Amino acid sequence: MLSGSHAYAGGVATHIGQLFFDRDLVTAVEARAPYHSNGQPFVDLLEDGVAQAAATADSDVLMDW
């Protein structure tokens, strides 16, 4: 492990990232195969605790596409 950091443990990267896309893009993608059979429910960004924690007045969490 790097001193003072938890980025690596036993030589393996332990960071996990998450990307956020706006609802219009998600809706368009999920209308197409094979995504239309995705059984995962959509989590609105206003209800996503990770997105809420990452967003600030100076930082928009949505990906530009």
PDB file of N, CA and C in Angstrom:
ATOM      1  N   MET A   1       0.852  -1.177   0.000  1.00  0.00           N
ATOM      2  CA  MET A   1       0.000   0.000   0.000  1.00  0.00           C
ATOM      3  C   MET A   1       0.890   1.230   0.000  1.00  0.00           C
ATOM      4  N   LEU A   2       0.493   2.236  -0.752  1.00  0.00           N
ATOM      5  CA  LEU A   2       1.235   3.481  -0.772  1.00  0.00           C
ATOM      6  C   LEU A   2       1.065   4.200   0.553  1.00  0.00           C
ATOM      7  N   SER A   3       2.095   4.807   1.014  1.00  0.00           N
ATOM      8  CA  SER A   3       2.045   5.514   2.284  1.00  0.00           C
ATOM      9  C   SER A   3       1.000   6.621   2.254  1.00  0.00           C
ATOM     10  N   GLY A   4       0.077   6.604   3.203  1.00  0.00           N
ATOM     11  CA  GLY A   4      -0.933   7.642   3.309  1.00  0.00           C
ATOM     12  C   GLY A   4      -2.037   7.562   2.270  1.00  0.00           C
ATOM     13  N   SER A   5      -2.074   6.512   1.479  1.00  0.00           N
ATOM     14  CA  SER A   5      -3.074   6.392   0.424  1.00  0.00           C
ATOM     15  C   SER A   5      -3.695   5.005   0.456  1.00  0.00           C
ATOM     16  N   HIS A   6      -4.948   4.938   0.055  1.00  0.00           N
ATOM     17  CA  HIS A   6      -5.612   3.642  -0.036  1.00  0.00           C
ATOM     18  C   HIS A   6      -5.898   3.299  -1.500  1.00  0.00           C
ATOM     19  N   ALA A   7      -5.112   3.889  -2.418  1.00  0.00           N
ATOM     20  CA  ALA A   7      -5.318   3.682  -3.850  1.00  0.00           C
ATOM     21  C   ALA A   7      -4.933   2.269  -4.276  1.00  0.00           C
ATOM     22  N   TYR A   8      -3.983   1.664  -3.605  1.00  0.00           N
ATOM     23  CA  TYR A   8      -3.538   0.327  -3.959  1.00  0.00           C
ATOM     24  C   TYR A   8      -3.482  -0.539  -2.713  1.00  0.00           C
ATOM     25  N   ALA A   9      -3.929  -1.768  -2.846  1.00  0.00           N
ATOM     26  CA  ALA A   9      -3.823  -2.726  -1.755  1.00  0.00           C
ATOM     27  C   ALA A   9      -3.282  -4.018  -2.336  1.00  0.00           C
ATOM     28  N   GLY A  10      -2.138  -4.435  -1.906  1.00  0.00           N
ATOM     29  CA  GLY A  10      -1.546  -5.656  -2.417  1.00  0.00           C
ATOM     30  C   GLY A  10      -1.258  -5.596  -3.904  1.00  0.00           C
ATOM     31  N   GLY A  11      -0.944  -4.402  -4.435  1.00  0.00           N
ATOM     32  CA  GLY A  11      -0.633  -4.258  -5.847  1.00  0.00           C
ATOM     33  C   GLY A  11      -1.849  -4.171  -6.742  1.00  0.00           C
ATOM     34  N   VAL A  12      -3.044  -4.114  -6.164  1.00  0.00           N
ATOM     35  CA  VAL A  12      -4.281  -4.053  -6.943  1.00  0.00           C
ATOM     36  C   VAL A  12      -4.961  -2.716  -6.700  1.00  0.00           C
ATOM     37  N   ALA A  13      -5.347  -2.040  -7.789  1.00  0.00           N
ATOM     38  CA  ALA A  13      -6.066  -0.775  -7.645  1.00  0.00           C
ATOM     39  C   ALA A  13      -7.420  -1.035  -7.004  1.00  0.00           C
ATOM     40  N   THR A  14      -7.779  -0.226  -6.025  1.00  0.00           N
ATOM     41  CA  THR A  14      -9.034  -0.434  -5.310  1.00  0.00           C
ATOM     42  C   THR A  14     -10.046   0.680  -5.546  1.00  0.00           C
ATOM     43  N   HIS A  15      -9.714   1.634  -6.416  1.00  0.00           N
ATOM     44  CA  HIS A  15     -10.628   2.738  -6.699  1.00  0.00           C
ATOM     45  C   HIS A  15     -11.755   2.268  -7.609  1.00  0.00           C
ATOM     46  N   ILE A  16     -12.969   2.681  -7.319  1.00  0.00           N
ATOM     47  CA  ILE A  16     -14.115   2.412  -8.172  1.00  0.00           C
ATOM     48  C   ILE A  16     -14.714   3.754  -8.552  1.00  0.00           C
ATOM     49  N   GLY A  17     -14.977   3.962  -9.820  1.00  0.00           N
ATOM     50  CA  GLY A  17     -15.556   5.211 -10.283  1.00  0.00           C
ATOM     51  C   GLY A  17     -16.993   5.003 -10.731  1.00  0.00           C
ATOM     52  N   GLN A  18     -17.722   6.082 -10.842  1.00  0.00           N
ATOM     53  CA  GLN A  18     -19.100   6.024 -11.304  1.00  0.00           C
ATOM     54  C   GLN A  18     -19.316   7.187 -12.262  1.00  0.00           C
ATOM     55  N   LEU A  19     -19.987   6.919 -13.376  1.00  0.00           N
ATOM     56  CA  LEU A  19     -20.293   7.948 -14.361  1.00  0.00           C
ATOM     57  C   LEU A  19     -21.774   8.278 -14.280  1.00  0.00           C
ATOM     58  N   PHE A  20     -22.117   9.529 -14.556  1.00  0.00           N
ATOM     59  CA  PHE A  20     -23.506   9.973 -14.485  1.00  0.00           C
ATOM     60  C   PHE A  20     -23.911  10.573 -15.832  1.00  0.00           C
ATOM     61  N   PHE A  21     -25.040  10.105 -16.378  1.00  0.00           N
ATOM     62  CA  PHE A  21     -25.556  10.570 -17.654  1.00  0.00           C
ATOM     63  C   PHE A  21     -26.946  11.145 -17.449  1.00  0.00           C
ATOM     64  N   ASP A  22     -27.317  12.126 -18.283  1.00  0.00           N
ATOM     65  CA  ASP A  22     -28.633  12.725 -18.116  1.00  0.00           C
ATOM     66  C   ASP A  22     -29.732  11.756 -18.567  1.00  0.00           C
ATOM     67  N   ARG A  23     -30.926  12.013 -18.089  1.00  0.00           N
ATOM     68  CA  ARG A  23     -32.063  11.115 -18.296  1.00  0.00           C
ATOM     69  C   ARG A  23     -32.379  10.914 -19.782  1.00  0.00           C
ATOM     70  N   ASP A  24     -32.265  11.956 -20.608  1.00  0.00           N
ATOM     71  CA  ASP A  24     -32.563  11.822 -22.040  1.00  0.00           C
ATOM     72  C   ASP A  24     -31.667  10.787 -22.707  1.00  0.00           C
ATOM     73  N   LEU A  25     -30.379  10.802 -22.399  1.00  0.00           N
ATOM     74  CA  LEU A  25     -29.460   9.830 -22.985  1.00  0.00           C
ATOM     75  C   LEU A  25     -29.765   8.423 -22.483  1.00  0.00           C
ATOM     76  N   VAL A  26     -29.992   8.277 -21.197  1.00  0.00           N
ATOM     77  CA  VAL A  26     -30.298   6.959 -20.631  1.00  0.00           C
ATOM     78  C   VAL A  26     -31.566   6.389 -21.273  1.00  0.00           C
ATOM     79  N   THR A  27     -32.589   7.211 -21.428  1.00  0.00           N
ATOM     80  CA  THR A  27     -33.847   6.769 -22.038  1.00  0.00           C
ATOM     81  C   THR A  27     -33.618   6.326 -23.484  1.00  0.00           C
ATOM     82  N   ALA A  28     -32.832   7.084 -24.243  1.00  0.00           N
ATOM     83  CA  ALA A  28     -32.555   6.729 -25.640  1.00  0.00           C
ATOM     84  C   ALA A  28     -31.780   5.419 -25.744  1.00  0.00           C
ATOM     85  N   VAL A  29     -30.798   5.232 -24.885  1.00  0.00           N
ATOM     86  CA  VAL A  29     -29.996   4.000 -24.921  1.00  0.00           C
ATOM     87  C   VAL A  29     -30.837   2.806 -24.495  1.00  0.00           C
ATOM     88  N   GLU A  30     -31.619   2.958 -23.445  1.00  0.00           N
ATOM     89  CA  GLU A  30     -32.414   1.833 -22.949  1.00  0.00           C
ATOM     90  C   GLU A  30     -33.541   1.431 -23.895  1.00  0.00           C
ATOM     91  N   ALA A  31     -33.844   2.251 -24.895  1.00  0.00           N
ATOM     92  CA  ALA A  31     -34.860   1.898 -25.887  1.00  0.00           C
ATOM     93  C   ALA A  31     -34.315   0.935 -26.941  1.00  0.00           C
ATOM     94  N   ARG A  32     -33.016   0.747 -26.976  1.00  0.00           N
ATOM     95  CA  ARG A  32     -32.377  -0.089 -27.993  1.00  0.00           C
ATOM     96  C   ARG A  32     -31.901  -1.409 -27.400  1.00  0.00           C
ATOM     97  N   ALA A  33     -31.845  -2.434 -28.263  1.00  0.00           N
ATOM     98  CA  ALA A  33     -31.317  -3.739 -27.869  1.00  0.00           C
ATOM     99  C   ALA A  33     -29.810  -3.614 -27.655  1.00  0.00           C
ATOM    100  N   PRO A  34     -29.240  -4.306 -26.750  1.00  0.00           N
ATOM    101  CA  PRO A  34     -29.863  -5.219 -25.789  1.00  0.00           C
ATOM    102  C   PRO A  34     -30.307  -4.531 -24.501  1.00  0.00           C
ATOM    103  N   TYR A  35     -30.168  -3.204 -24.451  1.00  0.00           N
ATOM    104  CA  TYR A  35     -30.426  -2.477 -23.205  1.00  0.00           C
ATOM    105  C   TYR A  35     -31.903  -2.416 -22.832  1.00  0.00           C
ATOM    106  N   HIS A  36     -32.805  -2.590 -23.815  1.00  0.00           N
ATOM    107  CA  HIS A  36     -34.231  -2.510 -23.503  1.00  0.00           C
ATOM    108  C   HIS A  36     -34.687  -3.648 -22.588  1.00  0.00           C
ATOM    109  N   SER A  37     -33.885  -4.715 -22.498  1.00  0.00           N
ATOM    110  CA  SER A  37     -34.249  -5.820 -21.604  1.00  0.00           C
ATOM    111  C   SER A  37     -33.546  -5.725 -20.246  1.00  0.00           C
ATOM    112  N   ASN A  38     -32.869  -4.620 -20.008  1.00  0.00           N
ATOM    113  CA  ASN A  38     -32.196  -4.389 -18.729  1.00  0.00           C
ATOM    114  C   ASN A  38     -33.236  -4.344 -17.608  1.00  0.00           C
ATOM    115  N   GLY A  39     -33.069  -5.170 -16.616  1.00  0.00           N
ATOM    116  CA  GLY A  39     -34.018  -5.228 -15.509  1.00  0.00           C
ATOM    117  C   GLY A  39     -33.700  -4.293 -14.355  1.00  0.00           C
ATOM    118  N   GLN A  40     -32.602  -3.533 -14.480  1.00  0.00           N
ATOM    119  CA  GLN A  40     -32.218  -2.631 -13.399  1.00  0.00           C
ATOM    120  C   GLN A  40     -33.099  -1.386 -13.424  1.00  0.00           C
ATOM    121  N   PRO A  41     -33.630  -0.988 -12.288  1.00  0.00           N
ATOM    122  CA  PRO A  41     -34.445   0.228 -12.267  1.00  0.00           C
ATOM    123  C   PRO A  41     -33.568   1.473 -12.436  1.00  0.00           C
ATOM    124  N   PHE A  42     -34.126   2.495 -13.059  1.00  0.00           N
ATOM    125  CA  PHE A  42     -33.427   3.764 -13.222  1.00  0.00           C
ATOM    126  C   PHE A  42     -33.418   4.490 -11.881  1.00  0.00           C
ATOM    127  N   VAL A  43     -32.271   4.998 -11.501  1.00  0.00           N
ATOM    128  CA  VAL A  43     -32.159   5.798 -10.282  1.00  0.00           C
ATOM    129  C   VAL A  43     -31.947   7.241 -10.705  1.00  0.00           C
ATOM    130  N   ASP A  44     -32.903   8.082 -10.414  1.00  0.00           N
ATOM    131  CA  ASP A  44     -32.796   9.491 -10.758  1.00  0.00           C
ATOM    132  C   ASP A  44     -31.637  10.115  -9.981  1.00  0.00           C
ATOM    133  N   LEU A  45     -30.930  11.030 -10.622  1.00  0.00           N
ATOM    134  CA  LEU A  45     -29.781  11.662  -9.969  1.00  0.00           C
ATOM    135  C   LEU A  45     -30.159  12.394  -8.693  1.00  0.00           C
ATOM    136  N   LEU A  46     -31.391  12.871  -8.610  1.00  0.00           N
ATOM    137  CA  LEU A  46     -31.832  13.546  -7.388  1.00  0.00           C
ATOM    138  C   LEU A  46     -32.007  12.566  -6.228  1.00  0.00           C
ATOM    139  N   GLU A  47     -32.074  11.272  -6.549  1.00  0.00           N
ATOM    140  CA  GLU A  47     -32.217  10.243  -5.518  1.00  0.00           C
ATOM    141  C   GLU A  47     -30.944   9.422  -5.341  1.00  0.00           C
ATOM    142  N   ASP A  48     -29.919   9.707  -6.132  1.00  0.00           N
ATOM    143  CA  ASP A  48     -28.664   8.955  -6.092  1.00  0.00           C
ATOM    144  C   ASP A  48     -27.723   9.616  -5.093  1.00  0.00           C
ATOM    145  N   GLY A  49     -27.499   8.955  -3.969  1.00  0.00           N
ATOM    146  CA  GLY A  49     -26.648   9.502  -2.925  1.00  0.00           C
ATOM    147  C   GLY A  49     -25.221   9.751  -3.368  1.00  0.00           C
ATOM    148  N   VAL A  50     -24.697   8.910  -4.263  1.00  0.00           N
ATOM    149  CA  VAL A  50     -23.332   9.094  -4.751  1.00  0.00           C
ATOM    150  C   VAL A  50     -23.259  10.351  -5.612  1.00  0.00           C
ATOM    151  N   ALA A  51     -24.237  10.529  -6.499  1.00  0.00           N
ATOM    152  CA  ALA A  51     -24.259  11.727  -7.345  1.00  0.00           C
ATOM    153  C   ALA A  51     -24.426  12.978  -6.498  1.00  0.00           C
ATOM    154  N   GLN A  52     -25.285  12.908  -5.519  1.00  0.00           N
ATOM    155  CA  GLN A  52     -25.510  14.064  -4.654  1.00  0.00           C
ATOM    156  C   GLN A  52     -24.256  14.433  -3.876  1.00  0.00           C
ATOM    157  N   ALA A  53     -23.518  13.426  -3.422  1.00  0.00           N
ATOM    158  CA  ALA A  53     -22.284  13.690  -2.671  1.00  0.00           C
ATOM    159  C   ALA A  53     -21.188  14.259  -3.565  1.00  0.00           C
ATOM    160  N   ALA A  54     -21.184  13.886  -4.846  1.00  0.00           N
ATOM    161  CA  ALA A  54     -20.142  14.330  -5.773  1.00  0.00           C
ATOM    162  C   ALA A  54     -20.417  15.710  -6.351  1.00  0.00           C
ATOM    163  N   ALA A  55     -21.686  16.082  -6.442  1.00  0.00           N
ATOM    164  CA  ALA A  55     -22.050  17.359  -7.064  1.00  0.00           C
ATOM    165  C   ALA A  55     -21.792  18.519  -6.109  1.00  0.00           C
ATOM    166  N   THR A  56     -21.270  19.587  -6.670  1.00  0.00           N
ATOM    167  CA  THR A  56     -21.076  20.819  -5.907  1.00  0.00           C
ATOM    168  C   THR A  56     -21.521  21.984  -6.793  1.00  0.00           C
ATOM    169  N   ALA A  57     -21.550  23.162  -6.234  1.00  0.00           N
ATOM    170  CA  ALA A  57     -21.902  24.344  -7.012  1.00  0.00           C
ATOM    171  C   ALA A  57     -20.907  24.579  -8.145  1.00  0.00           C
ATOM    172  N   ASP A  58     -19.672  24.101  -7.973  1.00  0.00           N
ATOM    173  CA  ASP A  58     -18.628  24.298  -8.973  1.00  0.00           C
ATOM    174  C   ASP A  58     -18.380  23.077  -9.845  1.00  0.00           C
ATOM    175  N   SER A  59     -19.060  21.969  -9.575  1.00  0.00           N
ATOM    176  CA  SER A  59     -18.780  20.719 -10.282  1.00  0.00           C
ATOM    177  C   SER A  59     -20.068  20.026 -10.693  1.00  0.00           C
ATOM    178  N   ASP A  60     -20.325  19.983 -11.995  1.00  0.00           N
ATOM    179  CA  ASP A  60     -21.458  19.261 -12.567  1.00  0.00           C
ATOM    180  C   ASP A  60     -21.030  17.807 -12.749  1.00  0.00           C
ATOM    181  N   VAL A  61     -21.783  16.868 -12.222  1.00  0.00           N
ATOM    182  CA  VAL A  61     -21.396  15.464 -12.281  1.00  0.00           C
ATOM    183  C   VAL A  61     -21.766  14.778 -13.600  1.00  0.00           C
ATOM    184  N   LEU A  62     -22.598  15.424 -14.417  1.00  0.00           N
ATOM    185  CA  LEU A  62     -23.044  14.789 -15.664  1.00  0.00           C
ATOM    186  C   LEU A  62     -21.943  14.780 -16.716  1.00  0.00           C
ATOM    187  N   MET A  63     -21.853  13.643 -17.434  1.00  0.00           N
ATOM    188  CA  MET A  63     -20.930  13.528 -18.533  1.00  0.00           C
ATOM    189  C   MET A  63     -21.412  14.388 -19.691  1.00  0.00           C
ATOM    190  N   ASP A  64     -20.484  15.051 -20.382  1.00  0.00           N
ATOM    191  CA  ASP A  64     -20.825  15.766 -21.612  1.00  0.00           C
ATOM    192  C   ASP A  64     -20.794  14.739 -22.737  1.00  0.00           C
ATOM    193  N   TRP A  65     -21.847  14.693 -23.510  1.00  0.00           N
ATOM    194  CA  TRP A  65     -21.900  13.754 -24.629  1.00  0.00           C
ATOM    195  C   TRP A  65     -22.335  14.424 -25.850  1.00  0.00           C
TER     196      TRP A  65
END
